[in-house]
Amino acid sequence: MHPEDPPTGPDQLLFGLLGLEARAGRLEGAFGADPELGLMWRAGAALTEACRSVGLEDIHVTEGDVVLRAREHRGTDPEGARGAEAVAALLPVLAAPGDLARDTHAVLARCLRVSLRREIDPRDDRDGVERLEARVSGAERAAIARDIAAGLEGAPTPFLGALRAATILRRATQGAAPAGERLVFMAAEHALRGGAGRTREAAAPEPLAAIRRIEAGWIFLPSIALTRSGFRAWQPGRPAGLCDLVAGLTGELDRSIGSLAQLRAWRDGVRRIAEAKTRRSRLRDVIDLVIREPIVTTARMRDMLELSDRAAFTLMDAAAAAGIVRLVTPRRSWRVWARPDMADRLSARTRRDRAGSRGRAADALEAGEAAEPFAPPSGVARDPDHAGAAAWARAAAREAEALEQLDAAMARADAILRKHAAKPRD
């Protein structure tokens, strides 16, 4: 039987569970021996898991949509906005789940608060915690917490403990918060693997900040497992759903184990390049930063490494030439740089041509071109006689002229610097 085929009987399910835990143990051991590897893998995994979890709620969003859409001039895109907002809410919980075993009430509240199922009743604008409080009494909520804590204490394996926590919550909420259940699943696994108990509270989290310095110990990625090869429903309490989850997680862990070699090869390769540079080179600092923070802006690099604006731009260009980072936004607009493995994730964008909301920057990003930093709304672009078309054209021309002047000034500055650098010192 292929590892990704769902188990069809008790014996196969048992062997599937054993294989699942063995694969997870390999990853956990690799990350324990090489913490940098764990940081790099979990940063990308957290972003993708959040996007797939939102996708299971029938809101299609990709990693590139989440990170880059806020800096693009798009038309009305309500689905993209909802998806990006939902992912941004999930990421802080994934990045730092907290201690579900010792602080069960607080972690449960966080997981339910970011649940996506407000659409169950459009007239009900309460969040997941408030709906749960209205549905079950205080004594019942305390019983839920006790059951989850007891299940974690006696869990034979991380997967079975996480599965029990998710099914307890599902039974209590009658399946009203599946995204919250998946978060509880990952928080339970995090606690069972001895993860840190810290949390990150933020009213309006920024995706770039949420995936910096991941403090999580999870290995299993339920949403990715259920959506990698087709679509499988999240049904942890049903035999068929359990078999699908085990099969999906097994295949995903195999892919994750294989990706570690690529992450190691990138890190070792760029460090060899940096070691060949002079001692004054800051490329080593760039490598250390992007290992912890896979997506950076020039401003972030400037602040973290205490550089001038000019030095930050020059250093990022050198880092890109060395293969340390890739530019993932059009060059003349807001600049975002990403580690190569994260850049590959961000390259996938959602096409919303049917809504007329796709920006030029997204098209240019996929084509690898430098897009115009300034694009009119889709209605203006389609109608040259639109009342705002002339104003948009004049503004774009002024911006292009200003950028050309800036490029010319920087070229003159480069020439002056080269001239003085070439003069011999007394």
Protein backbone atom coordinates (compact mmCIF):
# COMPACT_ATOMS: atom_id res chain seq x y z
CA MET A 1 0.00 0.00 0.00
CA HIS A 2 1.24 3.50 -0.86
CA PRO A 3 1.99 5.61 2.25
CA GLU A 4 -0.56 8.25 1.19
CA ASP A 5 -3.37 5.74 0.67
CA PRO A 6 -5.84 5.89 3.58
CA PRO A 7 -5.73 2.83 5.89
CA THR A 8 -8.64 0.49 5.26
CA GLY A 9 -8.64 -1.62 8.46
CA PRO A 10 -7.58 -1.57 12.12
CA ASP A 11 -4.25 -3.26 11.45
CA GLN A 12 -3.38 -0.89 8.63
CA LEU A 13 -4.43 2.07 10.77
CA LEU A 14 -2.16 0.89 13.58
CA PHE A 15 0.79 0.54 11.22
CA GLY A 16 -0.10 3.93 9.73
CA LEU A 17 0.01 5.54 13.19
CA LEU A 18 3.36 3.93 13.95
CA GLY A 19 4.80 5.13 10.65
CA LEU A 20 3.42 8.61 11.27
CA GLU A 21 5.06 8.88 14.69
CA ALA A 22 8.34 7.48 13.35
CA ARG A 23 8.46 10.14 10.64
CA ALA A 24 7.57 12.88 13.12
CA GLY A 25 10.32 11.61 15.41
CA ARG A 26 12.86 11.95 12.61
CA LEU A 27 11.89 15.58 12.09
CA GLU A 28 11.84 16.32 15.81
CA GLY A 29 15.29 14.81 16.20
CA ALA A 30 16.65 16.79 13.26
CA PHE A 31 15.28 20.04 14.69
CA GLY A 32 16.61 19.23 18.15
CA ALA A 33 20.09 18.69 16.76
CA ASP A 34 19.87 21.72 14.45
CA PRO A 35 17.51 24.41 15.83
CA GLU A 36 18.15 26.71 12.86
CA LEU A 37 16.72 24.07 10.58
CA GLY A 38 13.56 23.95 12.68
CA LEU A 39 13.18 27.73 12.55
CA MET A 40 13.48 27.78 8.77
CA TRP A 41 11.08 24.88 8.22
CA ARG A 42 8.41 26.07 10.67
CA ALA A 43 8.31 29.63 9.33
CA GLY A 44 7.25 28.48 5.88
CA ALA A 45 5.08 25.69 7.26
CA ALA A 46 3.16 28.10 9.54
CA LEU A 47 2.32 30.46 6.68
CA THR A 48 1.19 27.64 4.39
CA GLU A 49 -0.78 25.89 7.14
CA ALA A 50 -2.66 29.11 7.94
CA CYS A 51 -3.52 29.62 4.26
CA ARG A 52 -4.72 26.04 3.87
CA SER A 53 -6.78 26.24 7.06
CA VAL A 54 -8.56 29.28 5.67
CA GLY A 55 -8.96 27.40 2.39
CA LEU A 56 -10.79 24.60 4.21
CA GLU A 57 -13.30 27.29 5.22
CA ASP A 58 -13.96 27.92 1.50
CA ILE A 59 -11.93 31.16 1.35
CA HIS A 60 -9.20 30.70 -1.25
CA VAL A 61 -6.00 32.53 -0.37
CA THR A 62 -2.31 31.87 -1.05
CA GLU A 63 0.89 32.81 0.74
CA GLY A 64 1.67 35.51 -1.81
CA ASP A 65 -1.79 37.05 -1.38
CA VAL A 66 -1.30 37.35 2.38
CA VAL A 67 2.16 38.90 2.40
CA LEU A 68 2.04 41.08 -0.72
CA ARG A 69 -1.57 42.18 -1.26
CA ALA A 70 -1.42 44.99 1.31
CA ARG A 71 1.19 46.79 -0.80
CA GLU A 72 -0.56 46.49 -4.15
CA HIS A 73 -3.05 48.85 -5.79
CA ARG A 74 -5.98 46.51 -6.31
CA GLY A 75 -9.62 47.07 -6.97
CA THR A 76 -12.30 45.75 -4.65
CA ASP A 77 -11.31 42.25 -3.54
CA PRO A 78 -13.50 41.23 -0.59
CA GLU A 79 -12.55 37.56 -0.69
CA GLY A 80 -8.84 38.33 -0.74
CA ALA A 81 -9.27 40.79 2.14
CA ARG A 82 -11.20 38.25 4.21
CA GLY A 83 -8.65 35.55 3.50
CA ALA A 84 -5.64 37.71 4.33
CA GLU A 85 -7.26 38.94 7.54
CA ALA A 86 -8.13 35.40 8.61
CA VAL A 87 -4.60 34.13 7.93
CA ALA A 88 -3.09 37.06 9.83
CA ALA A 89 -5.26 36.13 12.83
CA LEU A 90 -4.20 32.47 12.75
CA LEU A 91 -0.45 33.07 12.39
CA PRO A 92 0.33 34.37 15.91
CA VAL A 93 -1.33 31.29 17.43
CA LEU A 94 0.64 28.98 15.15
CA ALA A 95 3.88 30.85 15.82
CA ALA A 96 3.50 30.68 19.61
CA PRO A 97 0.67 28.34 20.65
CA GLY A 98 1.15 28.64 24.42
CA ASP A 99 0.95 25.85 26.98
CA LEU A 100 -2.32 23.99 26.49
CA ALA A 101 -1.50 21.55 29.29
CA ARG A 102 -0.96 24.15 32.03
CA ASP A 103 -2.96 27.13 30.75
CA THR A 104 -5.79 25.29 29.05
CA HIS A 105 -8.49 27.96 29.40
CA ALA A 106 -6.37 30.74 27.91
CA VAL A 107 -5.08 28.69 24.98
CA LEU A 108 -8.58 27.44 24.16
CA ALA A 109 -9.85 31.01 24.21
CA ARG A 110 -7.13 32.11 21.79
CA CYS A 111 -7.87 29.27 19.40
CA LEU A 112 -11.60 29.94 19.41
CA ARG A 113 -11.22 33.69 19.15
CA VAL A 114 -9.66 33.42 15.71
CA SER A 115 -12.14 30.81 14.50
CA LEU A 116 -13.49 31.65 11.06
CA ARG A 117 -17.04 30.47 11.41
CA ARG A 118 -18.85 33.77 11.93
CA GLU A 119 -20.56 32.96 8.65
CA ILE A 120 -22.64 30.29 10.42
CA ASP A 121 -25.16 32.99 11.28
CA PRO A 122 -24.60 36.35 9.53
CA ARG A 123 -26.66 38.06 12.22
CA ASP A 124 -24.36 36.76 14.95
CA ASP A 125 -21.27 38.98 15.16
CA ARG A 126 -19.90 37.34 18.30
CA ASP A 127 -16.54 35.63 18.18
CA GLY A 128 -15.98 31.93 18.84
CA VAL A 129 -15.47 32.33 22.59
CA GLU A 130 -18.70 34.30 23.04
CA ARG A 131 -20.69 31.77 21.00
CA LEU A 132 -19.25 28.92 23.04
CA GLU A 133 -20.11 30.74 26.26
CA ALA A 134 -23.68 31.17 25.04
CA ARG A 135 -23.92 27.49 24.11
CA VAL A 136 -22.39 25.79 27.16
CA SER A 137 -22.40 26.65 30.84
CA GLY A 138 -19.39 27.57 32.92
CA ALA A 139 -19.31 24.11 34.48
CA GLU A 140 -19.31 22.52 31.03
CA ARG A 141 -16.47 24.75 29.87
CA ALA A 142 -14.45 23.77 32.92
CA ALA A 143 -15.17 20.12 32.11
CA ILE A 144 -13.90 20.63 28.55
CA ALA A 145 -10.66 22.09 29.86
CA ARG A 146 -10.27 19.27 32.38
CA ASP A 147 -10.88 16.63 29.72
CA ILE A 148 -8.31 18.16 27.39
CA ALA A 149 -5.72 18.52 30.16
CA ALA A 150 -6.32 14.92 31.30
CA GLY A 151 -6.03 13.68 27.74
CA LEU A 152 -2.71 15.41 27.30
CA GLU A 153 -1.36 14.03 30.56
CA GLY A 154 -2.08 10.44 29.61
CA ALA A 155 -1.49 10.69 25.84
CA PRO A 156 0.45 7.67 24.51
CA THR A 157 1.79 9.64 21.52
CA PRO A 158 1.70 13.31 20.43
CA PHE A 159 -0.64 12.54 17.54
CA LEU A 160 -3.19 10.68 19.65
CA GLY A 161 -3.10 13.34 22.35
CA ALA A 162 -3.62 16.10 19.79
CA LEU A 163 -6.41 14.12 18.12
CA ARG A 164 -8.22 13.66 21.42
CA ALA A 165 -7.99 17.38 22.26
CA ALA A 166 -9.44 18.32 18.87
CA THR A 167 -12.29 15.82 19.12
CA ILE A 168 -13.19 16.97 22.64
CA LEU A 169 -13.50 20.54 21.39
CA ARG A 170 -15.42 19.41 18.31
CA ARG A 171 -17.93 17.57 20.44
CA ALA A 172 -18.37 20.57 22.74
CA THR A 173 -18.86 23.08 19.92
CA GLN A 174 -20.83 20.66 17.71
CA GLY A 175 -18.34 21.25 14.91
CA ALA A 176 -18.92 25.02 14.83
CA ALA A 177 -15.23 25.97 14.90
CA PRO A 178 -13.15 23.62 12.70
CA ALA A 179 -10.31 26.14 12.34
CA GLY A 180 -10.19 26.40 16.13
CA GLU A 181 -10.10 22.60 16.36
CA ARG A 182 -7.07 22.44 14.09
CA LEU A 183 -5.34 25.10 16.17
CA VAL A 184 -6.07 23.11 19.34
CA PHE A 185 -4.71 20.00 17.58
CA MET A 186 -1.42 21.79 16.87
CA ALA A 187 -1.30 23.46 20.30
CA ALA A 188 -1.76 20.06 21.95
CA GLU A 189 1.05 18.54 19.91
CA HIS A 190 3.22 21.55 20.73
CA ALA A 191 2.61 21.01 24.45
CA LEU A 192 3.25 17.25 24.24
CA ARG A 193 6.59 17.86 22.53
CA GLY A 194 7.67 20.21 25.34
CA GLY A 195 7.15 23.48 23.44
CA ALA A 196 7.50 26.86 25.09
CA GLY A 197 4.48 28.34 26.86
CA ARG A 198 4.85 31.87 25.51
CA THR A 199 2.13 33.47 23.42
CA ARG A 200 1.88 36.48 21.12
CA GLU A 201 -1.16 38.67 21.55
CA ALA A 202 -1.91 41.20 18.81
CA ALA A 203 -5.16 42.88 17.83
CA ALA A 204 -4.14 43.33 14.18
CA PRO A 205 -1.08 41.12 13.58
CA GLU A 206 1.20 41.81 10.64
CA PRO A 207 1.97 38.60 8.71
CA LEU A 208 5.65 39.49 8.32
CA ALA A 209 6.02 39.98 12.08
CA ALA A 210 4.06 36.84 12.99
CA ILE A 211 6.45 34.41 11.29
CA ARG A 212 9.59 35.89 12.82
CA ARG A 213 11.31 33.64 15.35
CA ILE A 214 8.75 30.85 15.51
CA GLU A 215 8.39 29.52 19.07
CA ALA A 216 6.53 26.31 18.36
CA GLY A 217 7.25 22.61 18.64
CA TRP A 218 4.58 21.15 16.35
CA ILE A 219 5.38 18.81 13.49
CA PHE A 220 1.95 17.80 12.13
CA LEU A 221 0.27 20.12 9.63
CA PRO A 222 -3.38 19.01 9.39
CA SER A 223 -4.66 21.59 6.91
CA ILE A 224 -1.80 21.05 4.47
CA ALA A 225 -2.23 17.29 4.82
CA LEU A 226 -5.91 17.50 3.88
CA THR A 227 -5.41 19.80 0.89
CA ARG A 228 -2.08 18.77 -0.65
CA SER A 229 -3.52 16.13 -3.02
CA GLY A 230 -7.09 17.17 -3.63
CA PHE A 231 -9.52 18.07 -0.86
CA ARG A 232 -10.33 15.96 2.19
CA ALA A 233 -12.78 17.05 4.87
CA TRP A 234 -11.63 17.74 8.42
CA GLN A 235 -13.47 15.01 10.39
CA PRO A 236 -11.14 13.89 13.20
CA GLY A 237 -13.89 12.07 15.09
CA ARG A 238 -14.94 9.79 12.23
CA PRO A 239 -13.05 6.67 11.13
CA ALA A 240 -12.90 7.81 7.49
CA GLY A 241 -11.73 11.27 8.52
CA LEU A 242 -9.04 9.80 10.78
CA CYS A 243 -7.76 7.56 8.00
CA ASP A 244 -7.63 10.50 5.57
CA LEU A 245 -5.77 12.60 8.14
CA VAL A 246 -3.20 9.87 8.85
CA ALA A 247 -2.59 9.30 5.14
CA GLY A 248 -2.28 13.02 4.39
CA LEU A 249 0.07 13.67 7.32
CA THR A 250 2.25 10.71 6.33
CA GLY A 251 2.73 12.07 2.82
CA GLU A 252 3.35 15.59 4.10
CA LEU A 253 5.98 14.40 6.58
CA ASP A 254 7.77 12.53 3.80
CA ARG A 255 7.91 15.76 1.78
CA SER A 256 9.10 17.71 4.81
CA ILE A 257 11.91 15.25 5.50
CA GLY A 258 13.01 15.58 1.91
CA SER A 259 12.97 19.40 2.09
CA LEU A 260 15.50 19.46 4.95
CA ALA A 261 18.33 18.62 2.57
CA GLN A 262 17.46 21.67 0.46
CA LEU A 263 17.38 23.96 3.48
CA ARG A 264 20.74 22.66 4.69
CA ALA A 265 22.27 23.01 1.24
CA TRP A 266 21.11 26.63 0.95
CA ARG A 267 22.41 27.56 4.39
CA ASP A 268 25.78 25.85 3.96
CA GLY A 269 26.21 27.26 0.46
CA VAL A 270 25.54 30.89 1.35
CA ARG A 271 27.71 30.66 4.44
CA ARG A 272 30.60 29.44 2.29
CA ILE A 273 30.06 32.43 0.02
CA ALA A 274 30.02 34.79 3.01
CA GLU A 275 33.16 33.24 4.49
CA ALA A 276 35.00 33.96 1.24
CA LYS A 277 34.27 37.68 1.62
CA THR A 278 36.33 40.13 3.63
CA ARG A 279 35.82 40.48 7.37
CA ARG A 280 34.03 43.79 6.82
CA SER A 281 31.31 42.12 4.76
CA ARG A 282 27.88 42.12 6.44
CA LEU A 283 26.58 39.16 4.43
CA ARG A 284 27.06 36.92 7.48
CA ASP A 285 24.68 39.15 9.42
CA VAL A 286 22.16 39.00 6.57
CA ILE A 287 22.27 35.19 6.61
CA ASP A 288 21.74 35.05 10.37
CA LEU A 289 18.79 37.43 10.05
CA VAL A 290 16.98 35.66 7.22
CA ILE A 291 17.38 32.30 8.96
CA ARG A 292 15.26 33.75 11.77
CA GLU A 293 13.11 36.03 9.61
CA PRO A 294 12.47 34.58 6.15
CA ILE A 295 10.76 37.73 4.80
CA VAL A 296 12.41 41.11 5.29
CA THR A 297 12.11 44.61 3.95
CA THR A 298 14.98 46.98 3.37
CA ALA A 299 13.76 49.08 6.32
CA ARG A 300 13.81 46.02 8.56
CA MET A 301 17.33 45.17 7.44
CA ARG A 302 18.42 48.75 8.05
CA ASP A 303 17.02 48.79 11.59
CA MET A 304 18.24 45.33 12.61
CA LEU A 305 21.78 45.78 11.30
CA GLU A 306 22.00 49.52 12.10
CA LEU A 307 22.76 50.61 8.56
CA SER A 308 22.08 53.71 6.53
CA ASP A 309 19.39 53.55 3.87
CA ARG A 310 22.00 53.53 1.15
CA ALA A 311 24.05 50.79 2.80
CA ALA A 312 20.92 48.69 3.36
CA PHE A 313 19.96 48.83 -0.32
CA THR A 314 23.52 47.99 -1.39
CA LEU A 315 23.75 45.10 1.08
CA MET A 316 20.42 43.64 -0.06
CA ASP A 317 21.54 43.79 -3.69
CA ALA A 318 24.73 41.95 -2.73
CA ALA A 319 22.73 39.38 -0.76
CA ALA A 320 20.47 38.78 -3.75
CA ALA A 321 23.48 38.33 -6.02
CA ALA A 322 24.86 35.74 -3.60
CA GLY A 323 21.58 33.79 -3.54
CA ILE A 324 20.83 34.62 0.09
CA VAL A 325 17.52 36.33 -0.69
CA ARG A 326 15.26 37.04 -3.64
CA LEU A 327 13.33 40.18 -4.41
CA VAL A 328 9.65 39.21 -4.44
CA THR A 329 8.08 42.59 -5.19
CA PRO A 330 8.52 44.92 -8.19
CA ARG A 331 11.83 46.68 -7.80
CA ARG A 332 10.61 50.27 -7.94
CA SER A 333 7.83 49.86 -5.39
CA TRP A 334 7.78 48.65 -1.79
CA ARG A 335 10.60 46.13 -1.59
CA VAL A 336 10.18 42.76 0.07
CA TRP A 337 12.99 40.22 0.08
CA ALA A 338 12.59 36.56 1.01
CA ARG A 339 14.73 33.54 1.61
CA PRO A 340 14.64 31.36 -1.54
CA ASP A 341 12.41 28.66 -0.04
CA MET A 342 9.94 31.30 1.14
CA ALA A 343 10.14 33.15 -2.17
CA ASP A 344 8.98 29.96 -3.87
CA ARG A 345 5.93 29.89 -1.59
CA LEU A 346 5.15 33.55 -2.25
CA SER A 347 5.35 33.14 -6.02
CA ALA A 348 1.92 31.49 -6.13
CA ARG A 349 -0.84 34.07 -6.36
CA THR A 350 -4.61 33.80 -6.58
CA ARG A 351 -6.14 34.82 -9.89
CA ARG A 352 -9.31 36.86 -9.43
CA ASP A 353 -9.77 37.99 -13.01
CA ARG A 354 -13.48 37.30 -12.75
CA ALA A 355 -13.75 40.11 -10.20
CA GLY A 356 -11.42 42.45 -12.07
CA SER A 357 -9.37 42.90 -8.92
CA ARG A 358 -5.96 41.59 -9.93
CA GLY A 359 -3.27 44.26 -9.83
CA ARG A 360 -0.47 44.85 -12.32
CA ALA A 361 2.07 44.20 -9.60
CA ALA A 362 0.85 40.63 -9.20
CA ASP A 363 1.09 40.01 -12.96
CA ALA A 364 4.59 41.47 -13.06
CA LEU A 365 5.64 39.41 -10.05
CA GLU A 366 4.70 36.17 -11.79
CA ALA A 367 6.37 37.31 -15.02
CA GLY A 368 9.52 38.33 -13.16
CA GLU A 369 9.29 41.89 -14.45
CA ALA A 370 9.54 45.27 -12.78
CA ALA A 371 5.98 46.48 -12.66
CA GLU A 372 4.78 50.03 -12.48
CA PRO A 373 4.54 50.96 -8.80
CA PHE A 374 1.32 52.78 -9.42
CA ALA A 375 -1.74 51.28 -11.13
CA PRO A 376 -5.25 52.75 -11.51
CA PRO A 377 -8.38 50.87 -10.48
CA SER A 378 -9.58 48.32 -12.98
CA GLY A 379 -12.51 50.48 -14.14
CA VAL A 380 -10.20 53.37 -14.96
CA ALA A 381 -7.71 51.10 -16.73
CA ARG A 382 -10.39 49.67 -18.98
CA ASP A 383 -11.91 53.04 -19.91
CA PRO A 384 -9.47 55.66 -21.28
CA ASP A 385 -12.27 58.24 -21.19
CA HIS A 386 -12.93 57.66 -17.52
CA ALA A 387 -13.01 60.91 -15.52
CA GLY A 388 -10.05 59.84 -13.40
CA ALA A 389 -7.92 58.42 -16.22
CA ALA A 390 -6.13 61.69 -16.98
CA ALA A 391 -5.35 62.31 -13.30
CA TRP A 392 -3.95 58.79 -12.92
CA ALA A 393 -1.82 59.24 -16.03
CA ARG A 394 -0.41 62.56 -14.79
CA ALA A 395 0.35 61.12 -11.36
CA ALA A 396 2.05 58.08 -12.86
CA ALA A 397 4.15 60.31 -15.13
CA ARG A 398 5.20 62.50 -12.20
CA GLU A 399 6.18 59.47 -10.17
CA ALA A 400 8.15 57.97 -13.06
CA GLU A 401 10.00 61.26 -13.53
CA ALA A 402 10.82 61.47 -9.81
CA LEU A 403 12.15 57.93 -9.81
CA GLU A 404 14.32 58.64 -12.86
CA GLN A 405 15.76 61.68 -11.11
CA LEU A 406 16.45 59.60 -8.02
CA ASP A 407 18.19 56.92 -10.11
CA ALA A 408 20.33 59.59 -11.77
CA ALA A 409 21.27 61.09 -8.39
CA MET A 410 22.23 57.67 -7.04
CA ALA A 411 24.33 57.00 -10.15
CA ARG A 412 26.21 60.29 -9.60
CA ALA A 413 26.75 59.36 -5.95
CA ASP A 414 28.15 55.99 -7.00
CA ALA A 415 30.56 57.68 -9.38
CA ILE A 416 31.79 60.05 -6.66
CA LEU A 417 32.27 57.18 -4.21
CA ARG A 418 34.23 55.15 -6.78
CA LYS A 419 36.39 58.18 -7.58
CA HIS A 420 37.35 58.78 -3.96
CA ALA A 421 37.77 55.06 -3.25
CA ALA A 422 40.29 54.82 -6.13
CA LYS A 423 42.51 57.60 -4.74
CA PRO A 424 45.56 56.33 -2.81
CA ARG A 425 45.68 57.32 0.84
CA ASP A 426 48.60 59.26 2.20
